Amino acid sequence: MTISKKGSRKIVVGQESFRWVITPSARGVIKLTVQHDEVKGQLLRVDIESDINEFWVEFPNVESLNNKIVVSAEIAFIISEAIIQGWKPRGKGPVLSFKHSENKLLSLK
């Protein structure tokens, strides 16, 4: 599987270029998917706790929601940390899954 250029965003971390996209997942979770932009290698998937997709469903009672919005600096951190933890963006292999919580990247093995 590859990430389509349409609907995805590009980010450069170090000297490498990546494509990323965020999609809704289970309630209270959004899913970040990252892939190298030039080599269709191993995919990275990261669950991020956020109620952002519930905002309009719960409006105007949104005070208790975790309206986490992911910014580019966090994407860069996640990519760098995933590489340290064994993600091979230029290599082949199964999808590598993590959970991002409290500025930590935790493996979902």
C-alpha atoms as a PDB file:
ATOM      1  CA  MET A   1       0.000   0.000   0.000  1.00  0.00           C
ATOM      2  CA  THR A   2       1.191   3.515  -0.730  1.00  0.00           C
ATOM      3  CA  ILE A   3       0.048   6.905   0.453  1.00  0.00           C
ATOM      4  CA  SER A   4      -1.490   8.925  -2.357  1.00  0.00           C
ATOM      5  CA  LYS A   5      -0.005  12.336  -3.049  1.00  0.00           C
ATOM      6  CA  LYS A   6      -3.551  13.631  -3.311  1.00  0.00           C
ATOM      7  CA  GLY A   7      -4.829  14.310   0.189  1.00  0.00           C
ATOM      8  CA  SER A   8      -1.487  13.781   1.900  1.00  0.00           C
ATOM      9  CA  ARG A   9       1.075  16.270   3.142  1.00  0.00           C
ATOM     10  CA  LYS A  10       4.816  16.366   2.656  1.00  0.00           C
ATOM     11  CA  ILE A  11       7.390  16.868   5.403  1.00  0.00           C
ATOM     12  CA  VAL A  12      11.193  16.851   5.336  1.00  0.00           C
ATOM     13  CA  VAL A  13      12.970  15.384   8.360  1.00  0.00           C
ATOM     14  CA  GLY A  14      16.742  15.578   8.207  1.00  0.00           C
ATOM     15  CA  GLN A  15      17.504  15.073   4.521  1.00  0.00           C
ATOM     16  CA  GLU A  16      14.573  12.697   3.899  1.00  0.00           C
ATOM     17  CA  SER A  17      11.168  13.553   2.461  1.00  0.00           C
ATOM     18  CA  PHE A  18       8.021  11.831   3.748  1.00  0.00           C
ATOM     19  CA  ARG A  19       4.270  11.836   2.999  1.00  0.00           C
ATOM     20  CA  TRP A  20       1.749  11.721   5.819  1.00  0.00           C
ATOM     21  CA  VAL A  21      -2.000  11.652   6.275  1.00  0.00           C
ATOM     22  CA  ILE A  22      -4.304  11.636   9.298  1.00  0.00           C
ATOM     23  CA  THR A  23      -7.562   9.703   9.227  1.00  0.00           C
ATOM     24  CA  PRO A  24     -10.283   9.088  11.802  1.00  0.00           C
ATOM     25  CA  SER A  25     -10.118   5.753  13.572  1.00  0.00           C
ATOM     26  CA  ALA A  26     -11.929   4.465  16.635  1.00  0.00           C
ATOM     27  CA  ARG A  27     -13.739   6.966  18.832  1.00  0.00           C
ATOM     28  CA  GLY A  28     -11.168   9.089  20.635  1.00  0.00           C
ATOM     29  CA  VAL A  29      -8.345   8.144  18.249  1.00  0.00           C
ATOM     30  CA  ILE A  30      -6.973   9.534  15.010  1.00  0.00           C
ATOM     31  CA  LYS A  31      -4.492   7.556  12.925  1.00  0.00           C
ATOM     32  CA  LEU A  32      -1.311   8.993  11.419  1.00  0.00           C
ATOM     33  CA  THR A  33       0.145   7.099   8.455  1.00  0.00           C
ATOM     34  CA  VAL A  34       3.636   7.984   7.172  1.00  0.00           C
ATOM     35  CA  GLN A  35       5.668   6.707   4.236  1.00  0.00           C
ATOM     36  CA  HIS A  36       8.918   7.754   2.582  1.00  0.00           C
ATOM     37  CA  ASP A  37       8.151  10.073  -0.343  1.00  0.00           C
ATOM     38  CA  GLU A  38      10.652   8.616  -2.818  1.00  0.00           C
ATOM     39  CA  VAL A  39      10.839   4.936  -1.846  1.00  0.00           C
ATOM     40  CA  LYS A  40       7.641   3.020  -1.154  1.00  0.00           C
ATOM     41  CA  GLY A  41       9.064   1.250   1.874  1.00  0.00           C
ATOM     42  CA  GLN A  42       7.660   0.262   5.237  1.00  0.00           C
ATOM     43  CA  LEU A  43       4.568   2.133   6.430  1.00  0.00           C
ATOM     44  CA  LEU A  44       4.395   3.768   9.841  1.00  0.00           C
ATOM     45  CA  ARG A  45       1.012   3.951  11.621  1.00  0.00           C
ATOM     46  CA  VAL A  46       0.537   5.871  14.836  1.00  0.00           C
ATOM     47  CA  ASP A  47      -2.591   6.062  17.013  1.00  0.00           C
ATOM     48  CA  ILE A  48      -3.019   9.516  18.548  1.00  0.00           C
ATOM     49  CA  GLU A  49      -5.572  10.187  21.265  1.00  0.00           C
ATOM     50  CA  SER A  50      -7.932  12.935  20.099  1.00  0.00           C
ATOM     51  CA  ASP A  51     -11.645  13.663  20.146  1.00  0.00           C
ATOM     52  CA  ILE A  52     -11.322  16.175  17.305  1.00  0.00           C
ATOM     53  CA  ASN A  53     -13.645  14.111  15.094  1.00  0.00           C
ATOM     54  CA  GLU A  54     -16.375  14.323  17.758  1.00  0.00           C
ATOM     55  CA  PHE A  55     -16.326  18.131  17.935  1.00  0.00           C
ATOM     56  CA  TRP A  56     -19.371  18.778  15.767  1.00  0.00           C
ATOM     57  CA  VAL A  57     -21.245  15.747  17.095  1.00  0.00           C
ATOM     58  CA  GLU A  58     -20.889  17.009  20.675  1.00  0.00           C
ATOM     59  CA  PHE A  59     -21.167  20.748  19.927  1.00  0.00           C
ATOM     60  CA  PRO A  60     -21.707  22.927  22.005  1.00  0.00           C
ATOM     61  CA  ASN A  61     -20.719  20.581  24.875  1.00  0.00           C
ATOM     62  CA  VAL A  62     -17.052  20.347  23.904  1.00  0.00           C
ATOM     63  CA  GLU A  63     -15.307  21.399  27.130  1.00  0.00           C
ATOM     64  CA  SER A  64     -14.489  17.802  28.098  1.00  0.00           C
ATOM     65  CA  LEU A  65     -13.211  16.780  24.660  1.00  0.00           C
ATOM     66  CA  ASN A  66      -9.518  16.214  23.936  1.00  0.00           C
ATOM     67  CA  ASN A  67      -9.365  18.359  20.805  1.00  0.00           C
ATOM     68  CA  LYS A  68      -5.796  17.370  20.008  1.00  0.00           C
ATOM     69  CA  ILE A  69      -4.577  18.773  16.715  1.00  0.00           C
ATOM     70  CA  VAL A  70      -1.336  17.350  15.336  1.00  0.00           C
ATOM     71  CA  VAL A  71       1.200  19.933  14.137  1.00  0.00           C
ATOM     72  CA  SER A  72       4.207  19.521  11.847  1.00  0.00           C
ATOM     73  CA  ALA A  73       6.707  19.589  14.725  1.00  0.00           C
ATOM     74  CA  GLU A  74       4.980  16.560  16.267  1.00  0.00           C
ATOM     75  CA  ILE A  75       5.021  14.722  12.936  1.00  0.00           C
ATOM     76  CA  ALA A  76       8.774  15.355  12.671  1.00  0.00           C
ATOM     77  CA  PHE A  77       9.272  14.131  16.264  1.00  0.00           C
ATOM     78  CA  ILE A  78       7.220  10.983  15.602  1.00  0.00           C
ATOM     79  CA  ILE A  79       9.181  10.190  12.423  1.00  0.00           C
ATOM     80  CA  SER A  80      12.548  10.709  14.139  1.00  0.00           C
ATOM     81  CA  GLU A  81      11.554   8.653  17.179  1.00  0.00           C
ATOM     82  CA  ALA A  82      10.078   5.838  15.033  1.00  0.00           C
ATOM     83  CA  ILE A  83      13.372   5.574  13.126  1.00  0.00           C
ATOM     84  CA  ILE A  84      15.249   5.327  16.443  1.00  0.00           C
ATOM     85  CA  GLN A  85      12.812   2.570  17.519  1.00  0.00           C
ATOM     86  CA  GLY A  86      13.342   0.507  14.364  1.00  0.00           C
ATOM     87  CA  TRP A  87      11.185   1.903  11.563  1.00  0.00           C
ATOM     88  CA  LYS A  88      12.883   1.379   8.196  1.00  0.00           C
ATOM     89  CA  PRO A  89      11.219   3.916   5.855  1.00  0.00           C
ATOM     90  CA  ARG A  90      13.362   2.843   2.880  1.00  0.00           C
ATOM     91  CA  GLY A  91      13.062  -0.886   3.597  1.00  0.00           C
ATOM     92  CA  LYS A  92      10.375  -3.459   3.026  1.00  0.00           C
ATOM     93  CA  GLY A  93       8.451  -4.954   5.897  1.00  0.00           C
ATOM     94  CA  PRO A  94       5.144  -5.086   7.698  1.00  0.00           C
ATOM     95  CA  VAL A  95       3.439  -1.928   8.920  1.00  0.00           C
ATOM     96  CA  LEU A  96       5.059  -0.674  12.103  1.00  0.00           C
ATOM     97  CA  SER A  97       2.483   0.537  14.654  1.00  0.00           C
ATOM     98  CA  PHE A  98       2.871   2.889  17.595  1.00  0.00           C
ATOM     99  CA  LYS A  99       0.789   4.963  19.979  1.00  0.00           C
ATOM    100  CA  HIS A 100       1.677   8.610  20.589  1.00  0.00           C
ATOM    101  CA  SER A 101       0.760   9.737  24.084  1.00  0.00           C
ATOM    102  CA  GLU A 102       2.138  12.479  26.326  1.00  0.00           C
ATOM    103  CA  ASN A 103       4.954  13.234  23.867  1.00  0.00           C
ATOM    104  CA  LYS A 104       6.128   9.602  23.888  1.00  0.00           C
ATOM    105  CA  LEU A 105       6.056   7.038  21.097  1.00  0.00           C
ATOM    106  CA  LEU A 106       5.042   3.603  22.406  1.00  0.00           C
ATOM    107  CA  SER A 107       5.267   0.418  20.322  1.00  0.00           C
ATOM    108  CA  LEU A 108       2.038  -1.528  19.695  1.00  0.00           C
ATOM    109  CA  LYS A 109       3.705  -4.923  19.215  1.00  0.00           C
END
